[in-house]
Amino acid sequence: MDCLGRDAYLGVPRVDAVEPRPYESYWSVPMPSAASLCAPLSVARVIAAGVHQLAELAAASDAAPGMSPSDHS
């Protein structure tokens, strides 16, 4: 899994957002409900993996002053 890093935002459109609008994301295929997206446990695992990776990047940047987090990729 890749990490977007700090100051990044990854959004998921509303389930009922099925028409394109300027500067908004939407679903190209409508879904019957939010439960059709994925299991909540899968979302929790992705969040946990991201938190873990951000913590590793922060620790690495603390250990090597002068290097940016992107230098550790």
N, C-alpha and C. Protein backbone atom coordinates (compact mmCIF):
# COMPACT_ATOMS: atom_id res chain seq x y z
N MET A 1 0.84 -1.16 0.00
CA MET A 1 0.00 0.00 0.00
C MET A 1 0.89 1.23 0.00
N ASP A 2 0.56 2.22 -0.80
CA ASP A 2 1.28 3.48 -0.80
C ASP A 2 0.62 4.45 0.16
N CYS A 3 1.41 5.33 0.71
CA CYS A 3 0.91 6.32 1.66
C CYS A 3 0.95 7.69 1.00
N LEU A 4 -0.14 8.42 1.07
CA LEU A 4 -0.18 9.77 0.50
C LEU A 4 0.63 10.74 1.33
N GLY A 5 0.78 10.47 2.60
CA GLY A 5 1.54 11.34 3.48
C GLY A 5 0.67 12.38 4.16
N ARG A 6 1.32 13.17 4.97
CA ARG A 6 0.58 14.21 5.69
C ARG A 6 0.14 15.29 4.71
N ASP A 7 -0.88 16.05 5.12
CA ASP A 7 -1.43 17.13 4.30
C ASP A 7 -2.08 16.64 3.01
N ALA A 8 -2.41 15.36 2.94
CA ALA A 8 -3.11 14.81 1.79
C ALA A 8 -4.53 14.45 2.22
N TYR A 9 -5.45 14.51 1.28
CA TYR A 9 -6.84 14.19 1.57
C TYR A 9 -7.33 13.22 0.52
N LEU A 10 -7.93 12.16 0.98
CA LEU A 10 -8.53 11.18 0.08
C LEU A 10 -9.98 11.06 0.46
N GLY A 11 -10.86 11.47 -0.41
CA GLY A 11 -12.28 11.46 -0.10
C GLY A 11 -13.01 10.39 -0.89
N VAL A 12 -14.14 10.01 -0.36
CA VAL A 12 -15.03 9.06 -1.02
C VAL A 12 -16.35 9.78 -1.24
N PRO A 13 -16.86 9.76 -2.46
CA PRO A 13 -18.11 10.48 -2.72
C PRO A 13 -19.30 9.87 -1.98
N ARG A 14 -20.31 10.69 -1.80
CA ARG A 14 -21.56 10.19 -1.21
C ARG A 14 -22.10 9.08 -2.09
N VAL A 15 -22.81 8.15 -1.51
CA VAL A 15 -23.36 7.03 -2.27
C VAL A 15 -24.31 7.52 -3.35
N ASP A 16 -25.02 8.63 -3.09
CA ASP A 16 -25.99 9.13 -4.07
C ASP A 16 -25.37 10.09 -5.10
N ALA A 17 -24.06 10.32 -5.04
CA ALA A 17 -23.38 11.20 -6.01
C ALA A 17 -23.07 10.39 -7.26
N VAL A 18 -23.97 10.43 -8.24
CA VAL A 18 -23.82 9.63 -9.44
C VAL A 18 -23.79 10.46 -10.72
N GLU A 19 -23.81 11.78 -10.58
CA GLU A 19 -23.73 12.67 -11.74
C GLU A 19 -22.47 13.53 -11.62
N PRO A 20 -21.74 13.71 -12.72
CA PRO A 20 -20.54 14.55 -12.64
C PRO A 20 -20.89 16.01 -12.36
N ARG A 21 -20.12 16.62 -11.45
CA ARG A 21 -20.25 18.04 -11.12
C ARG A 21 -18.84 18.60 -11.02
N PRO A 22 -18.67 19.88 -11.31
CA PRO A 22 -17.32 20.46 -11.22
C PRO A 22 -16.72 20.29 -9.83
N TYR A 23 -15.48 19.83 -9.78
CA TYR A 23 -14.68 19.70 -8.56
C TYR A 23 -15.26 18.73 -7.54
N GLU A 24 -16.11 17.81 -7.96
CA GLU A 24 -16.68 16.82 -7.04
C GLU A 24 -16.49 15.43 -7.63
N SER A 25 -16.21 14.47 -6.76
CA SER A 25 -16.12 13.10 -7.23
C SER A 25 -17.51 12.48 -7.24
N TYR A 26 -17.66 11.43 -8.01
CA TYR A 26 -18.95 10.75 -8.12
C TYR A 26 -18.72 9.30 -8.53
N TRP A 27 -19.75 8.50 -8.35
CA TRP A 27 -19.70 7.10 -8.75
C TRP A 27 -20.20 6.98 -10.18
N SER A 28 -19.45 6.33 -11.03
CA SER A 28 -19.90 6.14 -12.41
C SER A 28 -20.97 5.06 -12.50
N VAL A 29 -21.02 4.20 -11.50
CA VAL A 29 -22.04 3.15 -11.43
C VAL A 29 -22.76 3.29 -10.09
N PRO A 30 -24.05 3.60 -10.10
CA PRO A 30 -24.78 3.75 -8.83
C PRO A 30 -24.78 2.46 -8.01
N MET A 31 -24.79 2.63 -6.69
CA MET A 31 -24.83 1.49 -5.77
C MET A 31 -26.14 1.49 -5.00
N PRO A 32 -26.62 0.32 -4.64
CA PRO A 32 -27.88 0.26 -3.89
C PRO A 32 -27.76 0.81 -2.47
N SER A 33 -26.56 0.70 -1.85
CA SER A 33 -26.37 1.20 -0.49
C SER A 33 -24.88 1.32 -0.19
N ALA A 34 -24.58 2.03 0.90
CA ALA A 34 -23.18 2.18 1.30
C ALA A 34 -22.55 0.84 1.65
N ALA A 35 -23.34 -0.10 2.10
CA ALA A 35 -22.83 -1.42 2.45
C ALA A 35 -22.28 -2.17 1.23
N SER A 36 -22.60 -1.69 0.03
CA SER A 36 -22.10 -2.32 -1.18
C SER A 36 -20.64 -1.99 -1.44
N LEU A 37 -20.10 -0.99 -0.77
CA LEU A 37 -18.73 -0.56 -1.03
C LEU A 37 -17.71 -1.58 -0.57
N CYS A 38 -17.67 -1.85 0.72
CA CYS A 38 -16.75 -2.85 1.26
C CYS A 38 -17.08 -3.07 2.73
N ALA A 39 -16.47 -4.06 3.29
CA ALA A 39 -16.70 -4.37 4.70
C ALA A 39 -16.04 -3.32 5.59
N PRO A 40 -16.70 -2.89 6.65
CA PRO A 40 -16.09 -1.92 7.56
C PRO A 40 -14.73 -2.36 8.10
N LEU A 41 -14.53 -3.64 8.31
CA LEU A 41 -13.23 -4.13 8.78
C LEU A 41 -12.13 -3.84 7.76
N SER A 42 -12.44 -3.92 6.48
CA SER A 42 -11.45 -3.60 5.45
C SER A 42 -11.04 -2.14 5.53
N VAL A 43 -12.00 -1.26 5.76
CA VAL A 43 -11.71 0.17 5.90
C VAL A 43 -10.83 0.39 7.13
N ALA A 44 -11.17 -0.26 8.23
CA ALA A 44 -10.38 -0.12 9.46
C ALA A 44 -8.95 -0.59 9.24
N ARG A 45 -8.75 -1.64 8.48
CA ARG A 45 -7.40 -2.15 8.21
C ARG A 45 -6.60 -1.17 7.36
N VAL A 46 -7.23 -0.54 6.38
CA VAL A 46 -6.54 0.45 5.55
C VAL A 46 -6.13 1.64 6.41
N ILE A 47 -7.03 2.10 7.27
CA ILE A 47 -6.72 3.23 8.16
C ILE A 47 -5.57 2.87 9.08
N ALA A 48 -5.62 1.69 9.67
CA ALA A 48 -4.55 1.26 10.58
C ALA A 48 -3.21 1.16 9.85
N ALA A 49 -3.22 0.66 8.63
CA ALA A 49 -1.98 0.56 7.86
C ALA A 49 -1.42 1.95 7.56
N GLY A 50 -2.29 2.89 7.23
CA GLY A 50 -1.85 4.25 6.96
C GLY A 50 -1.27 4.92 8.19
N VAL A 51 -1.93 4.75 9.33
CA VAL A 51 -1.43 5.32 10.59
C VAL A 51 -0.06 4.73 10.92
N HIS A 52 0.08 3.43 10.74
CA HIS A 52 1.35 2.75 11.01
C HIS A 52 2.45 3.29 10.09
N GLN A 53 2.15 3.45 8.81
CA GLN A 53 3.16 3.91 7.87
C GLN A 53 3.55 5.36 8.16
N LEU A 54 2.59 6.21 8.52
CA LEU A 54 2.91 7.58 8.88
C LEU A 54 3.80 7.63 10.12
N ALA A 55 3.52 6.76 11.09
CA ALA A 55 4.35 6.71 12.31
C ALA A 55 5.78 6.28 11.96
N GLU A 56 5.92 5.32 11.07
CA GLU A 56 7.26 4.90 10.65
C GLU A 56 8.01 6.03 9.95
N LEU A 57 7.31 6.77 9.09
CA LEU A 57 7.95 7.89 8.40
C LEU A 57 8.37 8.97 9.39
N ALA A 58 7.53 9.24 10.37
CA ALA A 58 7.85 10.25 11.38
C ALA A 58 9.07 9.81 12.19
N ALA A 59 9.12 8.54 12.57
CA ALA A 59 10.25 8.03 13.33
C ALA A 59 11.53 8.08 12.50
N ALA A 60 11.44 7.76 11.23
CA ALA A 60 12.61 7.79 10.35
C ALA A 60 13.12 9.21 10.17
N SER A 61 12.21 10.17 10.05
CA SER A 61 12.65 11.56 9.87
C SER A 61 13.23 12.12 11.16
N ASP A 62 12.76 11.63 12.32
CA ASP A 62 13.35 12.03 13.60
C ASP A 62 14.76 11.46 13.74
N ALA A 63 14.97 10.26 13.21
CA ALA A 63 16.26 9.59 13.34
C ALA A 63 17.29 10.17 12.38
N ALA A 64 16.84 10.78 11.29
CA ALA A 64 17.76 11.31 10.28
C ALA A 64 17.43 12.78 10.03
N PRO A 65 17.86 13.68 10.91
CA PRO A 65 17.57 15.11 10.71
C PRO A 65 18.10 15.60 9.37
N GLY A 66 17.32 16.49 8.79
CA GLY A 66 17.72 17.04 7.50
C GLY A 66 17.15 16.31 6.31
N MET A 67 16.59 15.13 6.53
CA MET A 67 15.98 14.38 5.44
C MET A 67 14.48 14.58 5.50
N SER A 68 13.86 14.71 4.33
CA SER A 68 12.41 14.82 4.30
C SER A 68 11.81 13.42 4.30
N PRO A 69 10.53 13.27 4.72
CA PRO A 69 9.92 11.94 4.73
C PRO A 69 9.93 11.28 3.35
N SER A 70 9.90 12.07 2.27
CA SER A 70 9.92 11.47 0.94
C SER A 70 11.26 10.84 0.61
N ASP A 71 12.33 11.23 1.33
CA ASP A 71 13.64 10.63 1.12
C ASP A 71 13.71 9.19 1.62
N HIS A 72 12.73 8.78 2.42
CA HIS A 72 12.74 7.45 3.01
C HIS A 72 11.95 6.44 2.18
N SER A 73 11.33 6.86 1.10
CA SER A 73 10.49 5.95 0.31
C SER A 73 11.31 5.02 -0.52
